[in-house]
Amino acid sequence: MQIDSKLLDELAEKISGGIKALGQVKGEAEAQIRSSLESAFANFDVVTGERMQVQEALLAQARKEIKTLESRIKALEAQLKQDDKKP
């Protein structure tokens, strides 16, 4: 049985057109989903990764400053104790 090449060409063309149409639908669907998610996330109090990194850096700096202040307080308390012992 011999298959007509014209028929094969038409089938290939239709399949190719269908695949292209699916690609366009996929792109449109992704854009709509992205838009919907962005709208949904805008209603929540969500922090971006970049903002989280900034906050982590600020927290690390604050912890460092607290440790420095704690050390200074301990040194001042020790000095006060020594001053209280002096006649």
PDB file of N, CA and C in Angstrom:
ATOM      1  N   MET A   1       0.838  -1.165   0.000  1.00  0.00           N
ATOM      2  CA  MET A   1       0.000   0.000   0.000  1.00  0.00           C
ATOM      3  C   MET A   1       0.890   1.237   0.000  1.00  0.00           C
ATOM      4  N   GLN A   2       0.627   2.104  -0.911  1.00  0.00           N
ATOM      5  CA  GLN A   2       1.432   3.298  -1.068  1.00  0.00           C
ATOM      6  C   GLN A   2       0.647   4.498  -0.543  1.00  0.00           C
ATOM      7  N   ILE A   3       1.335   5.350   0.230  1.00  0.00           N
ATOM      8  CA  ILE A   3       0.686   6.519   0.822  1.00  0.00           C
ATOM      9  C   ILE A   3       1.007   7.728  -0.044  1.00  0.00           C
ATOM     10  N   ASP A   4       0.004   8.502  -0.300  1.00  0.00           N
ATOM     11  CA  ASP A   4       0.132   9.686  -1.137  1.00  0.00           C
ATOM     12  C   ASP A   4       0.962  10.743  -0.389  1.00  0.00           C
ATOM     13  N   SER A   5       1.997  11.236  -1.050  1.00  0.00           N
ATOM     14  CA  SER A   5       2.877  12.215  -0.423  1.00  0.00           C
ATOM     15  C   SER A   5       2.158  13.539  -0.166  1.00  0.00           C
ATOM     16  N   LYS A   6       1.178  13.846  -1.012  1.00  0.00           N
ATOM     17  CA  LYS A   6       0.402  15.063  -0.809  1.00  0.00           C
ATOM     18  C   LYS A   6      -0.394  14.958   0.496  1.00  0.00           C
ATOM     19  N   LEU A   7      -0.955  13.791   0.759  1.00  0.00           N
ATOM     20  CA  LEU A   7      -1.704  13.557   1.990  1.00  0.00           C
ATOM     21  C   LEU A   7      -0.785  13.682   3.200  1.00  0.00           C
ATOM     22  N   LEU A   8       0.402  13.111   3.094  1.00  0.00           N
ATOM     23  CA  LEU A   8       1.376  13.208   4.180  1.00  0.00           C
ATOM     24  C   LEU A   8       1.782  14.656   4.428  1.00  0.00           C
ATOM     25  N   ASP A   9       1.979  15.408   3.374  1.00  0.00           N
ATOM     26  CA  ASP A   9       2.338  16.819   3.515  1.00  0.00           C
ATOM     27  C   ASP A   9       1.226  17.600   4.212  1.00  0.00           C
ATOM     28  N   GLU A  10      -0.021  17.319   3.826  1.00  0.00           N
ATOM     29  CA  GLU A  10      -1.150  18.008   4.448  1.00  0.00           C
ATOM     30  C   GLU A  10      -1.261  17.663   5.935  1.00  0.00           C
ATOM     31  N   LEU A  11      -1.077  16.377   6.250  1.00  0.00           N
ATOM     32  CA  LEU A  11      -1.127  15.951   7.647  1.00  0.00           C
ATOM     33  C   LEU A  11      -0.004  16.603   8.462  1.00  0.00           C
ATOM     34  N   ALA A  12       1.181  16.620   7.897  1.00  0.00           N
ATOM     35  CA  ALA A  12       2.319  17.228   8.579  1.00  0.00           C
ATOM     36  C   ALA A  12       2.073  18.712   8.813  1.00  0.00           C
ATOM     37  N   GLU A  13       1.497  19.365   7.826  1.00  0.00           N
ATOM     38  CA  GLU A  13       1.199  20.796   7.941  1.00  0.00           C
ATOM     39  C   GLU A  13       0.160  21.045   9.028  1.00  0.00           C
ATOM     40  N   LYS A  14      -0.874  20.217   9.082  1.00  0.00           N
ATOM     41  CA  LYS A  14      -1.912  20.371  10.100  1.00  0.00           C
ATOM     42  C   LYS A  14      -1.352  20.111  11.500  1.00  0.00           C
ATOM     43  N   ILE A  15      -0.537  19.093  11.619  1.00  0.00           N
ATOM     44  CA  ILE A  15       0.068  18.784  12.926  1.00  0.00           C
ATOM     45  C   ILE A  15       0.978  19.926  13.357  1.00  0.00           C
ATOM     46  N   SER A  16       1.755  20.434  12.420  1.00  0.00           N
ATOM     47  CA  SER A  16       2.654  21.550  12.721  1.00  0.00           C
ATOM     48  C   SER A  16       1.866  22.778  13.165  1.00  0.00           C
ATOM     49  N   GLY A  17       0.774  23.064  12.466  1.00  0.00           N
ATOM     50  CA  GLY A  17      -0.080  24.188  12.843  1.00  0.00           C
ATOM     51  C   GLY A  17      -0.683  24.005  14.224  1.00  0.00           C
ATOM     52  N   GLY A  18      -1.081  22.786  14.533  1.00  0.00           N
ATOM     53  CA  GLY A  18      -1.640  22.484  15.854  1.00  0.00           C
ATOM     54  C   GLY A  18      -0.623  22.679  16.961  1.00  0.00           C
ATOM     55  N   ILE A  19       0.607  22.249  16.700  1.00  0.00           N
ATOM     56  CA  ILE A  19       1.672  22.409  17.692  1.00  0.00           C
ATOM     57  C   ILE A  19       1.957  23.887  17.929  1.00  0.00           C
ATOM     58  N   LYS A  20       1.982  24.676  16.854  1.00  0.00           N
ATOM     59  CA  LYS A  20       2.204  26.118  16.996  1.00  0.00           C
ATOM     60  C   LYS A  20       1.087  26.756  17.806  1.00  0.00           C
ATOM     61  N   ALA A  21      -0.152  26.342  17.537  1.00  0.00           N
ATOM     62  CA  ALA A  21      -1.302  26.890  18.275  1.00  0.00           C
ATOM     63  C   ALA A  21      -1.198  26.541  19.757  1.00  0.00           C
ATOM     64  N   LEU A  22      -0.776  25.314  20.052  1.00  0.00           N
ATOM     65  CA  LEU A  22      -0.601  24.911  21.445  1.00  0.00           C
ATOM     66  C   LEU A  22       0.473  25.748  22.119  1.00  0.00           C
ATOM     67  N   GLY A  23       1.535  26.045  21.391  1.00  0.00           N
ATOM     68  CA  GLY A  23       2.607  26.880  21.936  1.00  0.00           C
ATOM     69  C   GLY A  23       2.103  28.270  22.294  1.00  0.00           C
ATOM     70  N   GLN A  24       1.255  28.834  21.441  1.00  0.00           N
ATOM     71  CA  GLN A  24       0.690  30.158  21.712  1.00  0.00           C
ATOM     72  C   GLN A  24      -0.244  30.107  22.917  1.00  0.00           C
ATOM     73  N   VAL A  25      -1.057  29.065  22.986  1.00  0.00           N
ATOM     74  CA  VAL A  25      -1.978  28.913  24.115  1.00  0.00           C
ATOM     75  C   VAL A  25      -1.191  28.765  25.406  1.00  0.00           C
ATOM     76  N   LYS A  26      -0.115  28.003  25.357  1.00  0.00           N
ATOM     77  CA  LYS A  26       0.721  27.802  26.537  1.00  0.00           C
ATOM     78  C   LYS A  26       1.282  29.130  27.012  1.00  0.00           C
ATOM     79  N   GLY A  27       1.801  29.920  26.084  1.00  0.00           N
ATOM     80  CA  GLY A  27       2.367  31.219  26.446  1.00  0.00           C
ATOM     81  C   GLY A  27       1.328  32.143  27.061  1.00  0.00           C
ATOM     82  N   GLU A  28       0.142  32.164  26.478  1.00  0.00           N
ATOM     83  CA  GLU A  28      -0.935  32.998  27.007  1.00  0.00           C
ATOM     84  C   GLU A  28      -1.373  32.515  28.386  1.00  0.00           C
ATOM     85  N   ALA A  29      -1.458  31.204  28.557  1.00  0.00           N
ATOM     86  CA  ALA A  29      -1.857  30.638  29.847  1.00  0.00           C
ATOM     87  C   ALA A  29      -0.822  30.984  30.921  1.00  0.00           C
ATOM     88  N   GLU A  30       0.452  30.869  30.590  1.00  0.00           N
ATOM     89  CA  GLU A  30       1.503  31.203  31.554  1.00  0.00           C
ATOM     90  C   GLU A  30       1.423  32.673  31.947  1.00  0.00           C
ATOM     91  N   ALA A  31       1.171  33.547  30.985  1.00  0.00           N
ATOM     92  CA  ALA A  31       1.065  34.977  31.272  1.00  0.00           C
ATOM     93  C   ALA A  31      -0.126  35.257  32.189  1.00  0.00           C
ATOM     94  N   GLN A  32      -1.253  34.597  31.930  1.00  0.00           N
ATOM     95  CA  GLN A  32      -2.433  34.795  32.769  1.00  0.00           C
ATOM     96  C   GLN A  32      -2.211  34.260  34.179  1.00  0.00           C
ATOM     97  N   ILE A  33      -1.567  33.108  34.281  1.00  0.00           N
ATOM     98  CA  ILE A  33      -1.288  32.527  35.599  1.00  0.00           C
ATOM     99  C   ILE A  33      -0.339  33.436  36.375  1.00  0.00           C
ATOM    100  N   ARG A  34       0.702  33.916  35.713  1.00  0.00           N
ATOM    101  CA  ARG A  34       1.662  34.817  36.368  1.00  0.00           C
ATOM    102  C   ARG A  34       0.944  36.072  36.872  1.00  0.00           C
ATOM    103  N   SER A  35       0.088  36.641  36.040  1.00  0.00           N
ATOM    104  CA  SER A  35      -0.658  37.839  36.422  1.00  0.00           C
ATOM    105  C   SER A  35      -1.558  37.566  37.619  1.00  0.00           C
ATOM    106  N   SER A  36      -2.228  36.431  37.604  1.00  0.00           N
ATOM    107  CA  SER A  36      -3.108  36.067  38.716  1.00  0.00           C
ATOM    108  C   SER A  36      -2.319  35.877  40.008  1.00  0.00           C
ATOM    109  N   LEU A  37      -1.178  35.212  39.910  1.00  0.00           N
ATOM    110  CA  LEU A  37      -0.350  34.994  41.103  1.00  0.00           C
ATOM    111  C   LEU A  37       0.197  36.301  41.645  1.00  0.00           C
ATOM    112  N   GLU A  38       0.633  37.189  40.754  1.00  0.00           N
ATOM    113  CA  GLU A  38       1.144  38.486  41.200  1.00  0.00           C
ATOM    114  C   GLU A  38       0.056  39.270  41.921  1.00  0.00           C
ATOM    115  N   SER A  39      -1.165  39.227  41.402  1.00  0.00           N
ATOM    116  CA  SER A  39      -2.289  39.906  42.053  1.00  0.00           C
ATOM    117  C   SER A  39      -2.575  39.283  43.422  1.00  0.00           C
ATOM    118  N   ALA A  40      -2.537  37.964  43.484  1.00  0.00           N
ATOM    119  CA  ALA A  40      -2.803  37.277  44.750  1.00  0.00           C
ATOM    120  C   ALA A  40      -1.726  37.596  45.780  1.00  0.00           C
ATOM    121  N   PHE A  41      -0.463  37.557  45.364  1.00  0.00           N
ATOM    122  CA  PHE A  41       0.626  37.843  46.295  1.00  0.00           C
ATOM    123  C   PHE A  41       0.637  39.293  46.739  1.00  0.00           C
ATOM    124  N   ALA A  42       0.120  40.188  45.912  1.00  0.00           N
ATOM    125  CA  ALA A  42       0.058  41.599  46.289  1.00  0.00           C
ATOM    126  C   ALA A  42      -0.859  41.785  47.491  1.00  0.00           C
ATOM    127  N   ASN A  43      -1.843  40.889  47.661  1.00  0.00           N
ATOM    128  CA  ASN A  43      -2.770  40.977  48.789  1.00  0.00           C
ATOM    129  C   ASN A  43      -2.183  40.414  50.077  1.00  0.00           C
ATOM    130  N   PHE A  44      -1.098  39.654  49.979  1.00  0.00           N
ATOM    131  CA  PHE A  44      -0.457  39.074  51.150  1.00  0.00           C
ATOM    132  C   PHE A  44       0.747  39.915  51.547  1.00  0.00           C
ATOM    133  N   ASP A  45       1.161  39.759  52.782  1.00  0.00           N
ATOM    134  CA  ASP A  45       2.348  40.453  53.264  1.00  0.00           C
ATOM    135  C   ASP A  45       3.555  39.548  53.014  1.00  0.00           C
ATOM    136  N   VAL A  46       4.008  39.505  51.759  1.00  0.00           N
ATOM    137  CA  VAL A  46       5.087  38.622  51.347  1.00  0.00           C
ATOM    138  C   VAL A  46       6.370  39.447  51.183  1.00  0.00           C
ATOM    139  N   VAL A  47       7.467  38.896  51.680  1.00  0.00           N
ATOM    140  CA  VAL A  47       8.756  39.569  51.593  1.00  0.00           C
ATOM    141  C   VAL A  47       9.573  38.938  50.470  1.00  0.00           C
ATOM    142  N   THR A  48      10.197  39.771  49.664  1.00  0.00           N
ATOM    143  CA  THR A  48      11.037  39.252  48.591  1.00  0.00           C
ATOM    144  C   THR A  48      12.344  38.729  49.171  1.00  0.00           C
ATOM    145  N   GLY A  49      13.025  37.913  48.402  1.00  0.00           N
ATOM    146  CA  GLY A  49      14.317  37.380  48.837  1.00  0.00           C
ATOM    147  C   GLY A  49      15.322  38.484  49.102  1.00  0.00           C
ATOM    148  N   GLU A  50      15.316  39.491  48.252  1.00  0.00           N
ATOM    149  CA  GLU A  50      16.252  40.608  48.405  1.00  0.00           C
ATOM    150  C   GLU A  50      15.989  41.370  49.708  1.00  0.00           C
ATOM    151  N   ARG A  51      14.723  41.644  49.988  1.00  0.00           N
ATOM    152  CA  ARG A  51      14.379  42.348  51.228  1.00  0.00           C
ATOM    153  C   ARG A  51      14.725  41.503  52.446  1.00  0.00           C
ATOM    154  N   MET A  52      14.561  40.182  52.318  1.00  0.00           N
ATOM    155  CA  MET A  52      14.898  39.284  53.422  1.00  0.00           C
ATOM    156  C   MET A  52      16.397  39.329  53.703  1.00  0.00           C
ATOM    157  N   GLN A  53      17.209  39.355  52.656  1.00  0.00           N
ATOM    158  CA  GLN A  53      18.660  39.428  52.834  1.00  0.00           C
ATOM    159  C   GLN A  53      19.065  40.729  53.515  1.00  0.00           C
ATOM    160  N   VAL A  54      18.419  41.817  53.139  1.00  0.00           N
ATOM    161  CA  VAL A  54      18.708  43.109  53.773  1.00  0.00           C
ATOM    162  C   VAL A  54      18.369  43.045  55.253  1.00  0.00           C
ATOM    163  N   GLN A  55      17.207  42.473  55.577  1.00  0.00           N
ATOM    164  CA  GLN A  55      16.796  42.368  56.974  1.00  0.00           C
ATOM    165  C   GLN A  55      17.742  41.469  57.770  1.00  0.00           C
ATOM    166  N   GLU A  56      18.212  40.381  57.155  1.00  0.00           N
ATOM    167  CA  GLU A  56      19.155  39.489  57.828  1.00  0.00           C
ATOM    168  C   GLU A  56      20.468  40.208  58.118  1.00  0.00           C
ATOM    169  N   ALA A  57      20.919  41.031  57.179  1.00  0.00           N
ATOM    170  CA  ALA A  57      22.157  41.796  57.379  1.00  0.00           C
ATOM    171  C   ALA A  57      21.976  42.812  58.502  1.00  0.00           C
ATOM    172  N   LEU A  58      20.831  43.482  58.536  1.00  0.00           N
ATOM    173  CA  LEU A  58      20.561  44.444  59.603  1.00  0.00           C
ATOM    174  C   LEU A  58      20.492  43.748  60.954  1.00  0.00           C
ATOM    175  N   LEU A  59      19.884  42.577  60.989  1.00  0.00           N
ATOM    176  CA  LEU A  59      19.795  41.811  62.229  1.00  0.00           C
ATOM    177  C   LEU A  59      21.183  41.385  62.718  1.00  0.00           C
ATOM    178  N   ALA A  60      22.018  40.941  61.810  1.00  0.00           N
ATOM    179  CA  ALA A  60      23.382  40.539  62.177  1.00  0.00           C
ATOM    180  C   ALA A  60      24.150  41.730  62.751  1.00  0.00           C
ATOM    181  N   GLN A  61      23.997  42.899  62.150  1.00  0.00           N
ATOM    182  CA  GLN A  61      24.658  44.107  62.637  1.00  0.00           C
ATOM    183  C   GLN A  61      24.132  44.483  64.023  1.00  0.00           C
ATOM    184  N   ALA A  62      22.834  44.379  64.221  1.00  0.00           N
ATOM    185  CA  ALA A  62      22.245  44.700  65.520  1.00  0.00           C
ATOM    186  C   ALA A  62      22.753  43.744  66.599  1.00  0.00           C
ATOM    187  N   ARG A  63      22.855  42.466  66.263  1.00  0.00           N
ATOM    188  CA  ARG A  63      23.379  41.486  67.232  1.00  0.00           C
ATOM    189  C   ARG A  63      24.819  41.806  67.612  1.00  0.00           C
ATOM    190  N   LYS A  64      25.603  42.209  66.626  1.00  0.00           N
ATOM    191  CA  LYS A  64      27.006  42.562  66.875  1.00  0.00           C
ATOM    192  C   LYS A  64      27.084  43.772  67.809  1.00  0.00           C
ATOM    193  N   GLU A  65      26.246  44.763  67.559  1.00  0.00           N
ATOM    194  CA  GLU A  65      26.234  45.956  68.407  1.00  0.00           C
ATOM    195  C   GLU A  65      25.767  45.624  69.822  1.00  0.00           C
ATOM    196  N   ILE A  66      24.797  44.719  69.953  1.00  0.00           N
ATOM    197  CA  ILE A  66      24.316  44.311  71.276  1.00  0.00           C
ATOM    198  C   ILE A  66      25.434  43.634  72.055  1.00  0.00           C
ATOM    199  N   LYS A  67      26.184  42.756  71.399  1.00  0.00           N
ATOM    200  CA  LYS A  67      27.290  42.082  72.087  1.00  0.00           C
ATOM    201  C   LYS A  67      28.333  43.091  72.545  1.00  0.00           C
ATOM    202  N   THR A  68      28.619  44.085  71.702  1.00  0.00           N
ATOM    203  CA  THR A  68      29.583  45.123  72.077  1.00  0.00           C
ATOM    204  C   THR A  68      29.070  45.904  73.293  1.00  0.00           C
ATOM    205  N   LEU A  69      27.807  46.273  73.286  1.00  0.00           N
ATOM    206  CA  LEU A  69      27.219  47.011  74.402  1.00  0.00           C
ATOM    207  C   LEU A  69      27.190  46.172  75.679  1.00  0.00           C
ATOM    208  N   GLU A  70      26.896  44.882  75.538  1.00  0.00           N
ATOM    209  CA  GLU A  70      26.913  44.000  76.709  1.00  0.00           C
ATOM    210  C   GLU A  70      28.300  43.947  77.327  1.00  0.00           C
ATOM    211  N   SER A  71      29.309  43.873  76.483  1.00  0.00           N
ATOM    212  CA  SER A  71      30.694  43.843  76.978  1.00  0.00           C
ATOM    213  C   SER A  71      31.034  45.144  77.693  1.00  0.00           C
ATOM    214  N   ARG A  72      30.613  46.260  77.135  1.00  0.00           N
ATOM    215  CA  ARG A  72      30.888  47.560  77.762  1.00  0.00           C
ATOM    216  C   ARG A  72      30.165  47.681  79.105  1.00  0.00           C
ATOM    217  N   ILE A  73      28.938  47.198  79.183  1.00  0.00           N
ATOM    218  CA  ILE A  73      28.178  47.245  80.435  1.00  0.00           C
ATOM    219  C   ILE A  73      28.867  46.404  81.499  1.00  0.00           C
ATOM    220  N   LYS A  74      29.309  45.205  81.135  1.00  0.00           N
ATOM    221  CA  LYS A  74      30.003  44.341  82.096  1.00  0.00           C
ATOM    222  C   LYS A  74      31.277  45.006  82.601  1.00  0.00           C
ATOM    223  N   ALA A  75      32.008  45.647  81.695  1.00  0.00           N
ATOM    224  CA  ALA A  75      33.239  46.333  82.095  1.00  0.00           C
ATOM    225  C   ALA A  75      32.922  47.496  83.038  1.00  0.00           C
ATOM    226  N   LEU A  76      31.875  48.251  82.741  1.00  0.00           N
ATOM    227  CA  LEU A  76      31.491  49.370  83.613  1.00  0.00           C
ATOM    228  C   LEU A  76      30.998  48.877  84.968  1.00  0.00           C
ATOM    229  N   GLU A  77      30.254  47.771  84.994  1.00  0.00           N
ATOM    230  CA  GLU A  77      29.801  47.200  86.265  1.00  0.00           C
ATOM    231  C   GLU A  77      30.983  46.743  87.112  1.00  0.00           C
ATOM    232  N   ALA A  78      31.955  46.122  86.453  1.00  0.00           N
ATOM    233  CA  ALA A  78      33.148  45.669  87.177  1.00  0.00           C
ATOM    234  C   ALA A  78      33.905  46.864  87.737  1.00  0.00           C
ATOM    235  N   GLN A  79      33.981  47.928  86.972  1.00  0.00           N
ATOM    236  CA  GLN A  79      34.670  49.142  87.428  1.00  0.00           C
ATOM    237  C   GLN A  79      33.924  49.767  88.615  1.00  0.00           C
ATOM    238  N   LEU A  80      32.597  49.766  88.561  1.00  0.00           N
ATOM    239  CA  LEU A  80      31.809  50.297  89.673  1.00  0.00           C
ATOM    240  C   LEU A  80      32.024  49.484  90.946  1.00  0.00           C
ATOM    241  N   LYS A  81      32.105  48.163  90.807  1.00  0.00           N
ATOM    242  CA  LYS A  81      32.330  47.306  91.966  1.00  0.00           C
ATOM    243  C   LYS A  81      33.696  47.623  92.603  1.00  0.00           C
ATOM    244  N   GLN A  82      34.693  47.830  91.758  1.00  0.00           N
ATOM    245  CA  GLN A  82      36.028  48.163  92.266  1.00  0.00           C
ATOM    246  C   GLN A  82      36.028  49.537  92.922  1.00  0.00           C
ATOM    247  N   ASP A  83      35.300  50.487  92.349  1.00  0.00           N
ATOM    248  CA  ASP A  83      35.231  51.820  92.925  1.00  0.00           C
ATOM    249  C   ASP A  83      34.506  51.795  94.271  1.00  0.00           C
ATOM    250  N   ASP A  84      33.505  50.920  94.404  1.00  0.00           N
ATOM    251  CA  ASP A  84      32.784  50.792  95.673  1.00  0.00           C
ATOM    252  C   ASP A  84      33.663  50.190  96.754  1.00  0.00           C
ATOM    253  N   LYS A  85      34.629  49.354  96.413  1.00  0.00           N
ATOM    254  CA  LYS A  85      35.533  48.706  97.378  1.00  0.00           C
ATOM    255  C   LYS A  85      36.598  49.669  97.877  1.00  0.00           C
ATOM    256  N   LYS A  86      36.909  50.709  97.134  1.00  0.00           N
ATOM    257  CA  LYS A  86      37.942  51.665  97.526  1.00  0.00           C
ATOM    258  C   LYS A  86      37.402  52.565  98.645  1.00  0.00           C
ATOM    259  N   PRO A  87      38.290  52.845  99.646  1.00  0.00           N
ATOM    260  CA  PRO A  87      37.842  53.693 100.768  1.00  0.00           C
ATOM    261  C   PRO A  87      37.618  55.130 100.390  1.00  0.00           C
TER     262      PRO A  87
END
